[in-house]
Structure formats: structure tokens, C-alpha cells
Amino acid sequence: MSCRIDRVLTADGVVLRMSGRIAAHDLDMLRGLLAQETGIVAVDLTHLLLIDRDAVKLLAAAEANGVALRNCPAYLREWVARERAQTNE
């Protein structure tokens, strides 16, 4: 299974619903999608199955730039927090 990203417009802004596996080869696509959005953006991780470290770094950077991470599993929330802390050191 590969990565799938659905773009959904809501009253609050844009939600990128991610499902499947996110690996390093998917990051350019995700960066491009995030870069083209101008308003409020959220990433919904409800259906995420697997993620690698490079993808976590990208999510941490996106969150630091105002992107909301929705339905983020606890282990991933902790991992993102650690990546953000290491970046800030």
C-alpha cells in the first residue's frame, strides 16, 4: 500500500486526509500540497498506517509553521514533539 492524500474543503479551511504509508519518496508530493495552500490547513492522520522518520520531520516542521495535526496517534504526537525539540536545540 502506498500513500494517499485527499484534499477536503471545510468551513474551517483545507484538510489533507492522509492514509496508508508515508515514506521518504512521498515527501515531495506532500511538501507541494502543503506549499500550494494559502489559508488554514490541517492534516488528518486517522487512516495513517505507517510513517518513517523523514515524514515525521516534515510533519513537525509543518506543525511549527501552523499546520494542525488532527487525529494524531499518541505515539506519533510524541515523536513529532521530540523532532520539534531537537530542531529547536
PDB file of N, CA and C in Angstrom:
ATOM      1  N   MET A   1       0.843  -1.173   0.000  1.00  0.00           N
ATOM      2  CA  MET A   1       0.000   0.000   0.000  1.00  0.00           C
ATOM      3  C   MET A   1       0.889   1.236   0.000  1.00  0.00           C
ATOM      4  N   SER A   2       0.444   2.232  -0.710  1.00  0.00           N
ATOM      5  CA  SER A   2       1.196   3.477  -0.760  1.00  0.00           C
ATOM      6  C   SER A   2       0.424   4.582  -0.047  1.00  0.00           C
ATOM      7  N   CYS A   3       0.917   5.764  -0.181  1.00  0.00           N
ATOM      8  CA  CYS A   3       0.319   6.928   0.458  1.00  0.00           C
ATOM      9  C   CYS A   3      -0.813   7.478  -0.405  1.00  0.00           C
ATOM     10  N   ARG A   4      -1.890   7.869   0.248  1.00  0.00           N
ATOM     11  CA  ARG A   4      -2.990   8.539  -0.438  1.00  0.00           C
ATOM     12  C   ARG A   4      -3.304   9.803   0.345  1.00  0.00           C
ATOM     13  N   ILE A   5      -3.464  10.902  -0.380  1.00  0.00           N
ATOM     14  CA  ILE A   5      -3.805  12.166   0.255  1.00  0.00           C
ATOM     15  C   ILE A   5      -5.025  12.735  -0.455  1.00  0.00           C
ATOM     16  N   ASP A   6      -6.094  12.926   0.301  1.00  0.00           N
ATOM     17  CA  ASP A   6      -7.313  13.531  -0.220  1.00  0.00           C
ATOM     18  C   ASP A   6      -7.416  14.943   0.315  1.00  0.00           C
ATOM     19  N   ARG A   7      -7.700  15.888  -0.569  1.00  0.00           N
ATOM     20  CA  ARG A   7      -7.859  17.291  -0.187  1.00  0.00           C
ATOM     21  C   ARG A   7      -9.345  17.563  -0.005  1.00  0.00           C
ATOM     22  N   VAL A   8      -9.715  18.007   1.194  1.00  0.00           N
ATOM     23  CA  VAL A   8     -11.117  18.255   1.523  1.00  0.00           C
ATOM     24  C   VAL A   8     -11.268  19.699   1.980  1.00  0.00           C
ATOM     25  N   LEU A   9     -12.211  20.408   1.355  1.00  0.00           N
ATOM     26  CA  LEU A   9     -12.508  21.780   1.773  1.00  0.00           C
ATOM     27  C   LEU A   9     -13.561  21.729   2.858  1.00  0.00           C
ATOM     28  N   THR A  10     -13.309  22.449   3.950  1.00  0.00           N
ATOM     29  CA  THR A  10     -14.267  22.532   5.044  1.00  0.00           C
ATOM     30  C   THR A  10     -14.541  24.012   5.327  1.00  0.00           C
ATOM     31  N   ALA A  11     -15.471  24.269   6.213  1.00  0.00           N
ATOM     32  CA  ALA A  11     -15.774  25.650   6.597  1.00  0.00           C
ATOM     33  C   ALA A  11     -14.569  26.306   7.282  1.00  0.00           C
ATOM     34  N   ASP A  12     -13.707  25.484   7.896  1.00  0.00           N
ATOM     35  CA  ASP A  12     -12.546  25.996   8.627  1.00  0.00           C
ATOM     36  C   ASP A  12     -11.292  26.132   7.775  1.00  0.00           C
ATOM     37  N   GLY A  13     -11.281  25.586   6.586  1.00  0.00           N
ATOM     38  CA  GLY A  13     -10.095  25.615   5.740  1.00  0.00           C
ATOM     39  C   GLY A  13      -9.960  24.321   4.965  1.00  0.00           C
ATOM     40  N   VAL A  14      -8.728  23.932   4.718  1.00  0.00           N
ATOM     41  CA  VAL A  14      -8.435  22.728   3.948  1.00  0.00           C
ATOM     42  C   VAL A  14      -7.929  21.633   4.880  1.00  0.00           C
ATOM     43  N   VAL A  15      -8.415  20.421   4.656  1.00  0.00           N
ATOM     44  CA  VAL A  15      -7.937  19.262   5.396  1.00  0.00           C
ATOM     45  C   VAL A  15      -7.320  18.300   4.392  1.00  0.00           C
ATOM     46  N   LEU A  16      -6.089  17.900   4.650  1.00  0.00           N
ATOM     47  CA  LEU A  16      -5.431  16.875   3.845  1.00  0.00           C
ATOM     48  C   LEU A  16      -5.541  15.573   4.614  1.00  0.00           C
ATOM     49  N   ARG A  17      -6.368  14.660   4.112  1.00  0.00           N
ATOM     50  CA  ARG A  17      -6.567  13.369   4.773  1.00  0.00           C
ATOM     51  C   ARG A  17      -5.557  12.373   4.219  1.00  0.00           C
ATOM     52  N   MET A  18      -4.686  11.910   5.104  1.00  0.00           N
ATOM     53  CA  MET A  18      -3.630  11.001   4.698  1.00  0.00           C
ATOM     54  C   MET A  18      -3.979   9.586   5.116  1.00  0.00           C
ATOM     55  N   SER A  19      -3.717   8.649   4.222  1.00  0.00           N
ATOM     56  CA  SER A  19      -3.952   7.252   4.555  1.00  0.00           C
ATOM     57  C   SER A  19      -2.848   6.400   3.930  1.00  0.00           C
ATOM     58  N   GLY A  20      -2.671   5.225   4.511  1.00  0.00           N
ATOM     59  CA  GLY A  20      -1.646   4.319   4.020  1.00  0.00           C
ATOM     60  C   GLY A  20      -0.308   4.552   4.682  1.00  0.00           C
ATOM     61  N   ARG A  21       0.734   4.429   3.873  1.00  0.00           N
ATOM     62  CA  ARG A  21       2.108   4.558   4.361  1.00  0.00           C
ATOM     63  C   ARG A  21       2.748   5.806   3.785  1.00  0.00           C
ATOM     64  N   ILE A  22       3.425   6.551   4.641  1.00  0.00           N
ATOM     65  CA  ILE A  22       4.139   7.742   4.182  1.00  0.00           C
ATOM     66  C   ILE A  22       5.630   7.478   4.347  1.00  0.00           C
ATOM     67  N   ALA A  23       6.330   7.502   3.235  1.00  0.00           N
ATOM     68  CA  ALA A  23       7.770   7.257   3.236  1.00  0.00           C
ATOM     69  C   ALA A  23       8.479   8.416   2.554  1.00  0.00           C
ATOM     70  N   ALA A  24       9.794   8.358   2.541  1.00  0.00           N
ATOM     71  CA  ALA A  24      10.610   9.445   2.000  1.00  0.00           C
ATOM     72  C   ALA A  24      10.231   9.788   0.561  1.00  0.00           C
ATOM     73  N   HIS A  25       9.879   8.793  -0.240  1.00  0.00           N
ATOM     74  CA  HIS A  25       9.557   9.083  -1.645  1.00  0.00           C
ATOM     75  C   HIS A  25       8.215   9.809  -1.816  1.00  0.00           C
ATOM     76  N   ASP A  26       7.412   9.908  -0.749  1.00  0.00           N
ATOM     77  CA  ASP A  26       6.137  10.631  -0.798  1.00  0.00           C
ATOM     78  C   ASP A  26       6.269  12.092  -0.352  1.00  0.00           C
ATOM     79  N   LEU A  27       7.417  12.455   0.179  1.00  0.00           N
ATOM     80  CA  LEU A  27       7.563  13.763   0.812  1.00  0.00           C
ATOM     81  C   LEU A  27       7.490  14.930  -0.160  1.00  0.00           C
ATOM     82  N   ASP A  28       8.018  14.782  -1.371  1.00  0.00           N
ATOM     83  CA  ASP A  28       7.935  15.876  -2.333  1.00  0.00           C
ATOM     84  C   ASP A  28       6.484  16.201  -2.663  1.00  0.00           C
ATOM     85  N   MET A  29       5.662  15.160  -2.803  1.00  0.00           N
ATOM     86  CA  MET A  29       4.247  15.370  -3.078  1.00  0.00           C
ATOM     87  C   MET A  29       3.580  16.100  -1.910  1.00  0.00           C
ATOM     88  N   LEU A  30       3.862  15.665  -0.683  1.00  0.00           N
ATOM     89  CA  LEU A  30       3.268  16.290   0.491  1.00  0.00           C
ATOM     90  C   LEU A  30       3.742  17.730   0.650  1.00  0.00           C
ATOM     91  N   ARG A  31       5.026  17.982   0.439  1.00  0.00           N
ATOM     92  CA  ARG A  31       5.553  19.352   0.502  1.00  0.00           C
ATOM     93  C   ARG A  31       4.847  20.247  -0.508  1.00  0.00           C
ATOM     94  N   GLY A  32       4.668  19.742  -1.709  1.00  0.00           N
ATOM     95  CA  GLY A  32       3.999  20.506  -2.756  1.00  0.00           C
ATOM     96  C   GLY A  32       2.565  20.837  -2.394  1.00  0.00           C
ATOM     97  N   LEU A  33       1.847  19.860  -1.838  1.00  0.00           N
ATOM     98  CA  LEU A  33       0.467  20.095  -1.439  1.00  0.00           C
ATOM     99  C   LEU A  33       0.376  21.124  -0.322  1.00  0.00           C
ATOM    100  N   LEU A  34       1.262  21.029   0.644  1.00  0.00           N
ATOM    101  CA  LEU A  34       1.265  21.995   1.742  1.00  0.00           C
ATOM    102  C   LEU A  34       1.642  23.397   1.247  1.00  0.00           C
ATOM    103  N   ALA A  35       2.578  23.480   0.313  1.00  0.00           N
ATOM    104  CA  ALA A  35       3.049  24.768  -0.184  1.00  0.00           C
ATOM    105  C   ALA A  35       1.976  25.495  -0.990  1.00  0.00           C
ATOM    106  N   GLN A  36       1.126  24.765  -1.665  1.00  0.00           N
ATOM    107  CA  GLN A  36       0.122  25.430  -2.511  1.00  0.00           C
ATOM    108  C   GLN A  36      -1.067  25.965  -1.723  1.00  0.00           C
ATOM    109  N   GLU A  37      -1.203  25.571  -0.463  1.00  0.00           N
ATOM    110  CA  GLU A  37      -2.316  26.053   0.353  1.00  0.00           C
ATOM    111  C   GLU A  37      -1.975  27.402   0.964  1.00  0.00           C
ATOM    112  N   THR A  38      -2.954  28.301   0.979  1.00  0.00           N
ATOM    113  CA  THR A  38      -2.698  29.647   1.487  1.00  0.00           C
ATOM    114  C   THR A  38      -3.442  29.945   2.786  1.00  0.00           C
ATOM    115  N   GLY A  39      -4.498  29.237   3.077  1.00  0.00           N
ATOM    116  CA  GLY A  39      -5.291  29.510   4.275  1.00  0.00           C
ATOM    117  C   GLY A  39      -4.954  28.546   5.393  1.00  0.00           C
ATOM    118  N   ILE A  40      -5.965  28.270   6.184  1.00  0.00           N
ATOM    119  CA  ILE A  40      -5.823  27.347   7.313  1.00  0.00           C
ATOM    120  C   ILE A  40      -5.750  25.923   6.771  1.00  0.00           C
ATOM    121  N   VAL A  41      -4.744  25.185   7.225  1.00  0.00           N
ATOM    122  CA  VAL A  41      -4.523  23.819   6.748  1.00  0.00           C
ATOM    123  C   VAL A  41      -4.420  22.877   7.936  1.00  0.00           C
ATOM    124  N   ALA A  42      -5.048  21.725   7.798  1.00  0.00           N
ATOM    125  CA  ALA A  42      -4.930  20.660   8.790  1.00  0.00           C
ATOM    126  C   ALA A  42      -4.593  19.368   8.056  1.00  0.00           C
ATOM    127  N   VAL A  43      -3.879  18.498   8.731  1.00  0.00           N
ATOM    128  CA  VAL A  43      -3.569  17.178   8.201  1.00  0.00           C
ATOM    129  C   VAL A  43      -4.250  16.166   9.113  1.00  0.00           C
ATOM    130  N   ASP A  44      -5.132  15.368   8.537  1.00  0.00           N
ATOM    131  CA  ASP A  44      -5.862  14.351   9.287  1.00  0.00           C
ATOM    132  C   ASP A  44      -5.131  13.021   9.129  1.00  0.00           C
ATOM    133  N   LEU A  45      -4.721  12.451  10.256  1.00  0.00           N
ATOM    134  CA  LEU A  45      -3.912  11.228  10.245  1.00  0.00           C
ATOM    135  C   LEU A  45      -4.692  10.000  10.711  1.00  0.00           C
ATOM    136  N   THR A  46      -6.013  10.054  10.652  1.00  0.00           N
ATOM    137  CA  THR A  46      -6.851   8.957  11.135  1.00  0.00           C
ATOM    138  C   THR A  46      -6.490   7.625  10.496  1.00  0.00           C
ATOM    139  N   HIS A  47      -6.271   7.610   9.194  1.00  0.00           N
ATOM    140  CA  HIS A  47      -6.072   6.358   8.470  1.00  0.00           C
ATOM    141  C   HIS A  47      -4.614   6.086   8.113  1.00  0.00           C
ATOM    142  N   LEU A  48      -3.715   6.731   8.819  1.00  0.00           N
ATOM    143  CA  LEU A  48      -2.293   6.515   8.601  1.00  0.00           C
ATOM    144  C   LEU A  48      -1.892   5.167   9.183  1.00  0.00           C
ATOM    145  N   LEU A  49      -1.188   4.367   8.395  1.00  0.00           N
ATOM    146  CA  LEU A  49      -0.768   3.047   8.856  1.00  0.00           C
ATOM    147  C   LEU A  49       0.698   2.994   9.265  1.00  0.00           C
ATOM    148  N   LEU A  50       1.538   3.684   8.528  1.00  0.00           N
ATOM    149  CA  LEU A  50       2.975   3.605   8.760  1.00  0.00           C
ATOM    150  C   LEU A  50       3.616   4.911   8.305  1.00  0.00           C
ATOM    151  N   ILE A  51       4.627   5.347   9.037  1.00  0.00           N
ATOM    152  CA  ILE A  51       5.317   6.590   8.705  1.00  0.00           C
ATOM    153  C   ILE A  51       6.791   6.428   9.047  1.00  0.00           C
ATOM    154  N   ASP A  52       7.657   7.041   8.230  1.00  0.00           N
ATOM    155  CA  ASP A  52       9.087   6.954   8.537  1.00  0.00           C
ATOM    156  C   ASP A  52       9.576   8.275   9.130  1.00  0.00           C
ATOM    157  N   ARG A  53      10.836   8.286   9.549  1.00  0.00           N
ATOM    158  CA  ARG A  53      11.369   9.439  10.280  1.00  0.00           C
ATOM    159  C   ARG A  53      11.381  10.711   9.444  1.00  0.00           C
ATOM    160  N   ASP A  54      11.708  10.605   8.168  1.00  0.00           N
ATOM    161  CA  ASP A  54      11.728  11.791   7.322  1.00  0.00           C
ATOM    162  C   ASP A  54      10.337  12.421   7.229  1.00  0.00           C
ATOM    163  N   ALA A  55       9.320  11.595   7.166  1.00  0.00           N
ATOM    164  CA  ALA A  55       7.946  12.103   7.116  1.00  0.00           C
ATOM    165  C   ALA A  55       7.567  12.752   8.444  1.00  0.00           C
ATOM    166  N   VAL A  56       8.021  12.192   9.543  1.00  0.00           N
ATOM    167  CA  VAL A  56       7.746  12.792  10.855  1.00  0.00           C
ATOM    168  C   VAL A  56       8.419  14.160  10.955  1.00  0.00           C
ATOM    169  N   LYS A  57       9.631  14.277  10.446  1.00  0.00           N
ATOM    170  CA  LYS A  57      10.320  15.571  10.441  1.00  0.00           C
ATOM    171  C   LYS A  57       9.535  16.599   9.637  1.00  0.00           C
ATOM    172  N   LEU A  58       8.987  16.176   8.499  1.00  0.00           N
ATOM    173  CA  LEU A  58       8.193  17.091   7.688  1.00  0.00           C
ATOM    174  C   LEU A  58       6.919  17.515   8.418  1.00  0.00           C
ATOM    175  N   LEU A  59       6.252  16.571   9.070  1.00  0.00           N
ATOM    176  CA  LEU A  59       5.051  16.916   9.833  1.00  0.00           C
ATOM    177  C   LEU A  59       5.391  17.854  10.989  1.00  0.00           C
ATOM    178  N   ALA A  60       6.523  17.629  11.641  1.00  0.00           N
ATOM    179  CA  ALA A  60       6.938  18.508  12.741  1.00  0.00           C
ATOM    180  C   ALA A  60       7.195  19.925  12.232  1.00  0.00           C
ATOM    181  N   ALA A  61       7.855  20.035  11.091  1.00  0.00           N
ATOM    182  CA  ALA A  61       8.119  21.360  10.510  1.00  0.00           C
ATOM    183  C   ALA A  61       6.819  22.024  10.078  1.00  0.00           C
ATOM    184  N   ALA A  62       5.908  21.247   9.503  1.00  0.00           N
ATOM    185  CA  ALA A  62       4.623  21.793   9.071  1.00  0.00           C
ATOM    186  C   ALA A  62       3.833  22.301  10.271  1.00  0.00           C
ATOM    187  N   GLU A  63       3.843  21.516  11.352  1.00  0.00           N
ATOM    188  CA  GLU A  63       3.124  21.937  12.556  1.00  0.00           C
ATOM    189  C   GLU A  63       3.735  23.219  13.124  1.00  0.00           C
ATOM    190  N   ALA A  64       5.051  23.314  13.093  1.00  0.00           N
ATOM    191  CA  ALA A  64       5.715  24.525  13.577  1.00  0.00           C
ATOM    192  C   ALA A  64       5.334  25.748  12.737  1.00  0.00           C
ATOM    193  N   ASN A  65       4.936  25.513  11.487  1.00  0.00           N
ATOM    194  CA  ASN A  65       4.527  26.594  10.590  1.00  0.00           C
ATOM    195  C   ASN A  65       3.017  26.812  10.573  1.00  0.00           C
ATOM    196  N   GLY A  66       2.304  26.205  11.532  1.00  0.00           N
ATOM    197  CA  GLY A  66       0.881  26.482  11.670  1.00  0.00           C
ATOM    198  C   GLY A  66      -0.073  25.427  11.158  1.00  0.00           C
ATOM    199  N   VAL A  67       0.419  24.347  10.600  1.00  0.00           N
ATOM    200  CA  VAL A  67      -0.456  23.276  10.128  1.00  0.00           C
ATOM    201  C   VAL A  67      -0.911  22.457  11.337  1.00  0.00           C
ATOM    202  N   ALA A  68      -2.207  22.236  11.455  1.00  0.00           N
ATOM    203  CA  ALA A  68      -2.742  21.444  12.568  1.00  0.00           C
ATOM    204  C   ALA A  68      -2.682  19.965  12.219  1.00  0.00           C
ATOM    205  N   LEU A  69      -2.254  19.152  13.174  1.00  0.00           N
ATOM    206  CA  LEU A  69      -2.265  17.700  13.003  1.00  0.00           C
ATOM    207  C   LEU A  69      -3.481  17.165  13.737  1.00  0.00           C
ATOM    208  N   ARG A  70      -4.429  16.616  12.989  1.00  0.00           N
ATOM    209  CA  ARG A  70      -5.661  16.098  13.581  1.00  0.00           C
ATOM    210  C   ARG A  70      -5.618  14.588  13.661  1.00  0.00           C
ATOM    211  N   ASN A  71      -6.276  14.071  14.686  1.00  0.00           N
ATOM    212  CA  ASN A  71      -6.374  12.622  14.891  1.00  0.00           C
ATOM    213  C   ASN A  71      -5.001  11.961  14.835  1.00  0.00           C
ATOM    214  N   CYS A  72      -4.072  12.585  15.505  1.00  0.00           N
ATOM    215  CA  CYS A  72      -2.690  12.119  15.541  1.00  0.00           C
ATOM    216  C   CYS A  72      -2.550  11.087  16.654  1.00  0.00           C
ATOM    217  N   PRO A  73      -2.143   9.854  16.331  1.00  0.00           N
ATOM    218  CA  PRO A  73      -1.962   8.851  17.378  1.00  0.00           C
ATOM    219  C   PRO A  73      -0.944   9.313  18.423  1.00  0.00           C
ATOM    220  N   ALA A  74      -1.098   8.836  19.639  1.00  0.00           N
ATOM    221  CA  ALA A  74      -0.249   9.275  20.749  1.00  0.00           C
ATOM    222  C   ALA A  74       1.235   9.043  20.472  1.00  0.00           C
ATOM    223  N   TYR A  75       1.582   7.892  19.903  1.00  0.00           N
ATOM    224  CA  TYR A  75       2.998   7.613  19.637  1.00  0.00           C
ATOM    225  C   TYR A  75       3.559   8.612  18.618  1.00  0.00           C
ATOM    226  N   LEU A  76       2.740   8.973  17.637  1.00  0.00           N
ATOM    227  CA  LEU A  76       3.180   9.912  16.613  1.00  0.00           C
ATOM    228  C   LEU A  76       3.259  11.333  17.174  1.00  0.00           C
ATOM    229  N   ARG A  77       2.325  11.700  18.034  1.00  0.00           N
ATOM    230  CA  ARG A  77       2.349  13.007  18.688  1.00  0.00           C
ATOM    231  C   ARG A  77       3.649  13.166  19.464  1.00  0.00           C
ATOM    232  N   GLU A  78       4.035  12.114  20.211  1.00  0.00           N
ATOM    233  CA  GLU A  78       5.275  12.155  20.988  1.00  0.00           C
ATOM    234  C   GLU A  78       6.493  12.261  20.069  1.00  0.00           C
ATOM    235  N   TRP A  79       6.480  11.516  18.981  1.00  0.00           N
ATOM    236  CA  TRP A  79       7.585  11.519  18.030  1.00  0.00           C
ATOM    237  C   TRP A  79       7.736  12.900  17.385  1.00  0.00           C
ATOM    238  N   VAL A  80       6.631  13.502  16.990  1.00  0.00           N
ATOM    239  CA  VAL A  80       6.654  14.847  16.407  1.00  0.00           C
ATOM    240  C   VAL A  80       7.201  15.848  17.428  1.00  0.00           C
ATOM    241  N   ALA A  81       6.774  15.727  18.667  1.00  0.00           N
ATOM    242  CA  ALA A  81       7.248  16.630  19.722  1.00  0.00           C
ATOM    243  C   ALA A  81       8.763  16.501  19.906  1.00  0.00           C
ATOM    244  N   ARG A  82       9.277  15.273  19.879  1.00  0.00           N
ATOM    245  CA  ARG A  82      10.720  15.066  20.017  1.00  0.00           C
ATOM    246  C   ARG A  82      11.474  15.667  18.843  1.00  0.00           C
ATOM    247  N   GLU A  83      10.946  15.493  17.634  1.00  0.00           N
ATOM    248  CA  GLU A  83      11.604  16.067  16.451  1.00  0.00           C
ATOM    249  C   GLU A  83      11.618  17.593  16.518  1.00  0.00           C
ATOM    250  N   ARG A  84      10.522  18.179  16.978  1.00  0.00           N
ATOM    251  CA  ARG A  84      10.475  19.640  17.105  1.00  0.00           C
ATOM    252  C   ARG A  84      11.465  20.118  18.156  1.00  0.00           C
ATOM    253  N   ALA A  85      11.589  19.387  19.274  1.00  0.00           N
ATOM    254  CA  ALA A  85      12.527  19.764  20.321  1.00  0.00           C
ATOM    255  C   ALA A  85      13.962  19.680  19.821  1.00  0.00           C
ATOM    256  N   GLN A  86      14.285  18.645  19.057  1.00  0.00           N
ATOM    257  CA  GLN A  86      15.635  18.506  18.519  1.00  0.00           C
ATOM    258  C   GLN A  86      15.954  19.602  17.518  1.00  0.00           C
ATOM    259  N   THR A  87      14.960  20.017  16.757  1.00  0.00           N
ATOM    260  CA  THR A  87      15.144  21.077  15.782  1.00  0.00           C
ATOM    261  C   THR A  87      15.392  22.405  16.471  1.00  0.00           C
ATOM    262  N   ASN A  88      14.740  22.612  17.620  1.00  0.00           N
ATOM    263  CA  ASN A  88      14.874  23.873  18.348  1.00  0.00           C
ATOM    264  C   ASN A  88      16.143  23.975  19.156  1.00  0.00           C
ATOM    265  N   GLU A  89      16.878  22.875  19.321  1.00  0.00           N
ATOM    266  CA  GLU A  89      18.106  22.898  20.130  1.00  0.00           C
ATOM    267  C   GLU A  89      19.246  23.593  19.412  1.00  0.00           C
TER     268      GLU A  89
END
